[in-house]
Amino acid sequence: MATSKNISTPLIITGYVLYCMLIIAVLLSTTIPFGMLLSNPHVVVPNVIVSMTALTVGALLPALIGYIAGSKQTKSTSKVSHHFNGMLFGLLAFWLAQLMSMYLTVPVAMYANHLLGIVAVNVLPSVGVIALIAALAVLHRGSKYAKKDVIEYVPFAITLIATVMLVTLLPTVTALVNETFSLALALPAVFIVFSYGLAYLSILKVRMAGLLRATWAAVAASVLVFAVYVVTLLESSVSVYINPRPTELTQTVEGILSLIFVLSIWLLYWIVQRRRLVANARKRRASHA
């Protein structure tokens, strides 16, 4: 059975809002500045176009690939289910792109050519994401769980949880072992521990399978980290146009306000999402009584 509309809607709406914000942020930070360079007679036009395309692809393509794959592999006739699975795959694609960027080795020869290096760093992770997402989508569609939403599909759940932990916690643990720990490096881990722990505890008494509960907590944590990524990029992009030479104090204040804004969005999303999960659990319990 497909997940009910009531459960799916909070993630669908939040996901669309954040992705639209990401598009705006990329336009302001990449497309427009590089587009303005094209009017400069001293620049090499092909180099500018290639760089702009590579940076745009690296920022937007992974989540878009995930969304399309998740939506297309859904067998349900429900449009809500297509959107919901698309959003779930989009979040997984975001994490996979981060993982690829961290651990995918780019040949040194590519860095010798600055332009080729930009393309490799930004496009190769997307290629890896396409392969992994496509494989998982095909496996889900061909499994006996194909009529269920992918959040209930065990391989997807394990992949999402494992990728979240690898991207955020492994670098922090490695830094601690190598005595190179820094607060900036630990921030993703702090966000994950906070959001995952809070989300998991808030649905601890909701009647559902343990792995499904862990997956919902991973989804909640993913929404927070993706929102931090999007809002931070958007804030810095807008700030440059308003105040090209900000002071350190201005940057600090903007950073704090952005964080408050992100946490507000996330708390609103999760409060609504939790209520829907609780209501759905009660409805199922009543139907089986």
Protein backbone atom coordinates (compact mmCIF):
# COMPACT_ATOMS: atom_id res chain seq x y z
CA MET A 1 0.00 0.00 0.00
CA ALA A 2 1.14 3.53 -0.68
CA THR A 3 1.74 5.82 2.22
CA SER A 4 -1.33 7.95 2.94
CA LYS A 5 -1.62 11.47 1.61
CA ASN A 6 -1.68 12.85 5.16
CA ILE A 7 1.75 11.37 5.93
CA SER A 8 3.31 12.27 2.58
CA THR A 9 2.27 15.91 2.28
CA PRO A 10 4.65 17.54 4.83
CA LEU A 11 7.75 16.10 3.16
CA ILE A 12 6.47 16.85 -0.35
CA ILE A 13 5.72 20.51 0.40
CA THR A 14 8.95 21.05 2.36
CA GLY A 15 11.00 19.36 -0.36
CA TYR A 16 9.55 21.48 -3.15
CA VAL A 17 10.08 24.71 -1.19
CA LEU A 18 13.71 23.86 -0.40
CA TYR A 19 14.51 22.81 -3.97
CA CYS A 20 13.03 26.04 -5.35
CA MET A 21 15.18 27.95 -2.88
CA LEU A 22 18.20 25.95 -4.06
CA ILE A 23 17.51 26.88 -7.69
CA ILE A 24 17.32 30.57 -6.74
CA ALA A 25 20.54 30.29 -4.73
CA VAL A 26 22.39 28.64 -7.63
CA LEU A 27 21.12 31.28 -10.05
CA LEU A 28 22.34 34.08 -7.77
CA SER A 29 25.66 32.49 -6.85
CA THR A 30 26.64 30.84 -10.13
CA THR A 31 24.51 31.40 -13.20
CA ILE A 32 24.12 35.19 -12.99
CA PRO A 33 27.76 36.00 -12.03
CA PHE A 34 29.15 33.73 -14.75
CA GLY A 35 26.60 35.05 -17.20
CA MET A 36 27.81 38.59 -16.51
CA LEU A 37 31.37 37.47 -17.26
CA LEU A 38 30.31 36.56 -20.78
CA SER A 39 30.01 40.25 -21.61
CA ASN A 40 33.67 40.77 -20.69
CA PRO A 41 35.76 40.75 -23.91
CA HIS A 42 38.83 39.50 -21.99
CA VAL A 43 37.37 36.17 -20.87
CA VAL A 44 37.45 32.91 -22.78
CA VAL A 45 33.76 32.33 -23.43
CA PRO A 46 33.86 28.49 -23.74
CA ASN A 47 35.72 28.23 -20.40
CA VAL A 48 33.11 30.38 -18.67
CA ILE A 49 30.23 28.39 -20.12
CA VAL A 50 31.80 25.04 -19.17
CA SER A 51 32.57 26.22 -15.63
CA MET A 52 29.07 27.64 -15.16
CA THR A 53 27.47 24.45 -16.46
CA ALA A 54 29.64 22.17 -14.30
CA LEU A 55 28.94 24.14 -11.10
CA THR A 56 25.21 24.29 -11.84
CA VAL A 57 25.05 20.58 -12.60
CA GLY A 58 26.96 19.72 -9.43
CA ALA A 59 24.54 21.74 -7.30
CA LEU A 60 21.19 20.84 -8.87
CA LEU A 61 21.47 17.54 -10.71
CA PRO A 62 21.88 14.95 -7.89
CA ALA A 63 18.64 15.81 -6.08
CA LEU A 64 16.82 16.16 -9.42
CA ILE A 65 18.10 12.74 -10.55
CA GLY A 66 16.91 11.23 -7.29
CA TYR A 67 13.48 12.81 -7.57
CA ILE A 68 12.92 11.65 -11.15
CA ALA A 69 14.14 8.11 -10.40
CA GLY A 70 12.00 7.85 -7.28
CA SER A 71 8.93 9.10 -9.07
CA LYS A 72 9.38 6.95 -12.19
CA GLN A 73 9.98 3.69 -10.32
CA THR A 74 6.74 4.03 -8.34
CA LYS A 75 4.08 1.55 -9.45
CA SER A 76 1.27 3.24 -7.56
CA THR A 77 -1.28 5.22 -9.57
CA SER A 78 -1.37 7.82 -6.77
CA LYS A 79 0.33 11.07 -7.80
CA VAL A 80 1.04 11.75 -4.12
CA SER A 81 2.99 8.51 -3.89
CA HIS A 82 5.07 9.50 -6.93
CA HIS A 83 5.91 12.87 -5.34
CA PHE A 84 6.66 11.25 -1.98
CA ASN A 85 9.02 8.61 -3.37
CA GLY A 86 10.65 11.27 -5.52
CA MET A 87 11.39 13.39 -2.46
CA LEU A 88 12.79 10.41 -0.56
CA PHE A 89 15.11 9.47 -3.42
CA GLY A 90 16.04 13.15 -3.78
CA LEU A 91 17.22 13.27 -0.16
CA LEU A 92 19.20 10.06 -0.65
CA ALA A 93 20.77 11.49 -3.82
CA PHE A 94 21.82 14.60 -1.87
CA TRP A 95 23.67 12.42 0.64
CA LEU A 96 25.19 10.19 -2.02
CA ALA A 97 26.53 13.25 -3.84
CA GLN A 98 28.18 14.43 -0.62
CA LEU A 99 29.64 10.96 -0.09
CA MET A 100 30.96 10.82 -3.64
CA SER A 101 32.52 14.27 -3.29
CA MET A 102 34.28 13.18 -0.08
CA TYR A 103 35.63 9.81 -1.19
CA LEU A 104 35.64 9.77 -5.00
CA THR A 105 39.25 10.07 -6.15
CA VAL A 106 39.78 12.36 -9.13
CA PRO A 107 42.95 11.63 -11.17
CA VAL A 108 45.68 14.18 -10.50
CA ALA A 109 46.09 14.71 -14.24
CA MET A 110 42.65 16.27 -14.35
CA TYR A 111 43.69 18.95 -11.88
CA ALA A 112 46.56 19.96 -14.17
CA ASN A 113 43.89 21.43 -16.40
CA HIS A 114 41.89 23.85 -14.24
CA LEU A 115 38.78 23.59 -16.39
CA LEU A 116 38.88 19.80 -16.50
CA GLY A 117 39.33 19.74 -12.73
CA ILE A 118 36.18 21.82 -12.20
CA VAL A 119 34.18 19.52 -14.46
CA ALA A 120 35.51 16.37 -12.78
CA VAL A 121 34.85 17.53 -9.22
CA ASN A 122 31.32 18.71 -9.99
CA VAL A 123 30.11 16.21 -12.58
CA LEU A 124 31.69 12.88 -11.57
CA PRO A 125 29.74 12.67 -8.26
CA SER A 126 26.53 13.11 -10.26
CA VAL A 127 27.53 10.18 -12.49
CA GLY A 128 28.06 8.02 -9.40
CA VAL A 129 24.71 9.14 -7.99
CA ILE A 130 22.94 8.22 -11.24
CA ALA A 131 24.38 4.70 -11.12
CA LEU A 132 23.52 4.04 -7.46
CA ILE A 133 20.08 5.65 -7.53
CA ALA A 134 19.13 3.86 -10.76
CA ALA A 135 20.22 0.50 -9.32
CA LEU A 136 18.22 1.00 -6.12
CA ALA A 137 15.14 2.22 -8.02
CA VAL A 138 15.23 -0.79 -10.34
CA LEU A 139 15.64 -3.19 -7.39
CA HIS A 140 12.67 -1.64 -5.60
CA ARG A 141 10.46 -1.74 -8.68
CA GLY A 142 11.31 -5.40 -9.27
CA SER A 143 10.83 -6.48 -5.66
CA LYS A 144 7.69 -7.78 -3.95
CA TYR A 145 7.56 -4.46 -2.07
CA ALA A 146 7.14 -2.44 -5.27
CA LYS A 147 3.58 -1.38 -4.39
CA LYS A 148 4.77 0.02 -1.07
CA ASP A 149 6.49 3.38 -0.74
CA VAL A 150 10.25 3.22 -0.73
CA ILE A 151 10.49 4.34 2.90
CA GLU A 152 9.28 0.83 3.79
CA TYR A 153 11.81 -0.86 1.50
CA VAL A 154 14.64 -2.24 3.65
CA PRO A 155 17.56 -1.70 1.20
CA PHE A 156 16.53 1.95 0.78
CA ALA A 157 16.17 2.45 4.52
CA ILE A 158 19.57 0.95 5.30
CA THR A 159 21.25 2.88 2.45
CA LEU A 160 19.79 6.20 3.64
CA ILE A 161 20.69 5.68 7.29
CA ALA A 162 24.20 4.39 6.48
CA THR A 163 24.94 7.24 4.05
CA VAL A 164 23.79 9.88 6.53
CA MET A 165 26.08 8.46 9.19
CA LEU A 166 29.04 8.03 6.84
CA VAL A 167 28.89 11.59 5.53
CA THR A 168 28.42 13.30 8.89
CA LEU A 169 29.86 11.15 11.65
CA LEU A 170 32.82 9.40 9.99
CA PRO A 171 34.82 12.60 9.28
CA THR A 172 34.32 13.72 12.89
CA VAL A 173 35.42 10.37 14.29
CA THR A 174 38.43 10.31 11.96
CA ALA A 175 39.40 13.84 13.02
CA LEU A 176 39.18 12.88 16.68
CA VAL A 177 41.39 9.84 16.11
CA ASN A 178 43.93 11.90 14.13
CA GLU A 179 43.69 14.80 16.61
CA THR A 180 42.64 17.23 13.86
CA PHE A 181 39.21 17.94 15.32
CA SER A 182 37.62 21.35 14.70
CA LEU A 183 34.20 22.83 15.47
CA ALA A 184 33.51 23.55 11.79
CA LEU A 185 34.15 19.90 10.93
CA ALA A 186 31.84 18.74 13.72
CA LEU A 187 28.85 20.94 12.78
CA PRO A 188 27.23 18.41 10.40
CA ALA A 189 27.55 15.75 13.10
CA VAL A 190 25.98 18.10 15.65
CA PHE A 191 23.02 18.77 13.35
CA ILE A 192 22.57 15.05 12.69
CA VAL A 193 22.79 13.98 16.34
CA PHE A 194 20.39 16.76 17.39
CA SER A 195 17.79 16.25 14.66
CA TYR A 196 17.99 12.47 14.46
CA GLY A 197 17.85 12.05 18.23
CA LEU A 198 14.98 14.52 18.66
CA ALA A 199 12.98 13.02 15.80
CA TYR A 200 13.53 9.44 16.94
CA LEU A 201 12.58 10.15 20.55
CA SER A 202 9.48 12.09 19.49
CA ILE A 203 8.08 9.05 17.66
CA LEU A 204 9.42 6.43 20.06
CA LYS A 205 5.91 5.59 21.27
CA VAL A 206 4.34 5.65 17.81
CA ARG A 207 3.39 2.13 16.81
CA MET A 208 5.63 1.18 13.86
CA ALA A 209 8.52 -1.12 13.03
CA GLY A 210 11.87 -0.18 14.54
CA LEU A 211 13.60 0.22 11.18
CA LEU A 212 10.76 2.38 9.85
CA ARG A 213 11.07 4.62 12.92
CA ALA A 214 14.83 4.90 12.36
CA THR A 215 14.22 5.73 8.69
CA TRP A 216 11.74 8.48 9.52
CA ALA A 217 14.31 9.94 11.93
CA ALA A 218 16.91 9.82 9.13
CA VAL A 219 14.46 11.61 6.82
CA ALA A 220 13.93 14.31 9.45
CA ALA A 221 17.69 14.74 9.91
CA SER A 222 18.16 14.87 6.14
CA VAL A 223 15.58 17.63 5.80
CA LEU A 224 17.42 19.71 8.43
CA VAL A 225 20.87 19.29 6.87
CA PHE A 226 19.55 19.94 3.35
CA ALA A 227 17.75 23.05 4.65
CA VAL A 228 20.98 24.29 6.28
CA TYR A 229 22.83 23.74 3.00
CA VAL A 230 20.18 25.52 0.92
CA VAL A 231 19.51 28.47 3.23
CA THR A 232 23.23 29.07 3.87
CA LEU A 233 23.92 29.16 0.13
CA LEU A 234 20.93 31.42 -0.49
CA GLU A 235 21.81 33.79 2.36
CA SER A 236 25.42 34.17 1.23
CA SER A 237 24.31 34.69 -2.39
CA VAL A 238 21.78 37.40 -1.52
CA SER A 239 24.15 39.03 0.97
CA VAL A 240 26.80 39.61 -1.70
CA TYR A 241 24.35 41.63 -3.80
CA ILE A 242 23.12 43.70 -0.83
CA ASN A 243 26.42 44.19 0.96
CA PRO A 244 29.51 43.25 -1.12
CA ARG A 245 31.90 43.98 1.77
CA PRO A 246 30.31 42.69 4.98
CA THR A 247 32.07 43.02 8.31
CA GLU A 248 32.80 40.00 10.49
CA LEU A 249 29.99 41.06 12.84
CA THR A 250 27.53 41.30 9.94
CA GLN A 251 28.47 37.83 8.75
CA THR A 252 28.03 36.43 12.26
CA VAL A 253 24.60 38.01 12.69
CA GLU A 254 23.49 36.80 9.25
CA GLY A 255 24.69 33.31 10.06
CA ILE A 256 22.78 33.23 13.36
CA LEU A 257 19.59 34.54 11.75
CA SER A 258 19.88 31.97 8.96
CA LEU A 259 20.28 29.19 11.51
CA ILE A 260 17.23 30.37 13.47
CA PHE A 261 15.25 30.49 10.22
CA VAL A 262 16.33 26.96 9.27
CA LEU A 263 15.51 25.52 12.69
CA SER A 264 12.09 27.19 12.55
CA ILE A 265 11.35 25.64 9.15
CA TRP A 266 12.54 22.24 10.32
CA LEU A 267 10.61 22.29 13.59
CA LEU A 268 7.44 23.29 11.75
CA TYR A 269 7.97 20.45 9.26
CA TRP A 270 8.66 17.84 11.91
CA ILE A 271 5.82 18.88 14.23
CA VAL A 272 3.34 18.50 11.37
CA GLN A 273 5.02 15.28 10.17
CA ARG A 274 4.95 13.73 13.64
CA ARG A 275 1.28 14.57 14.11
CA ARG A 276 0.48 12.85 10.81
CA LEU A 277 2.47 9.77 11.84
CA VAL A 278 0.69 9.59 15.21
CA ALA A 279 -2.73 10.03 13.60
CA ASN A 280 -1.97 7.37 11.00
CA ALA A 281 -0.83 4.90 13.68
CA ARG A 282 -4.03 5.48 15.63
CA LYS A 283 -6.12 5.02 12.49
CA ARG A 284 -4.44 1.72 11.72
CA ARG A 285 -4.87 0.53 15.30
CA ALA A 286 -8.58 1.37 15.17
CA SER A 287 -9.04 -0.44 11.86
CA HIS A 288 -7.47 -3.59 13.29
CA ALA A 289 -9.46 -3.45 16.51
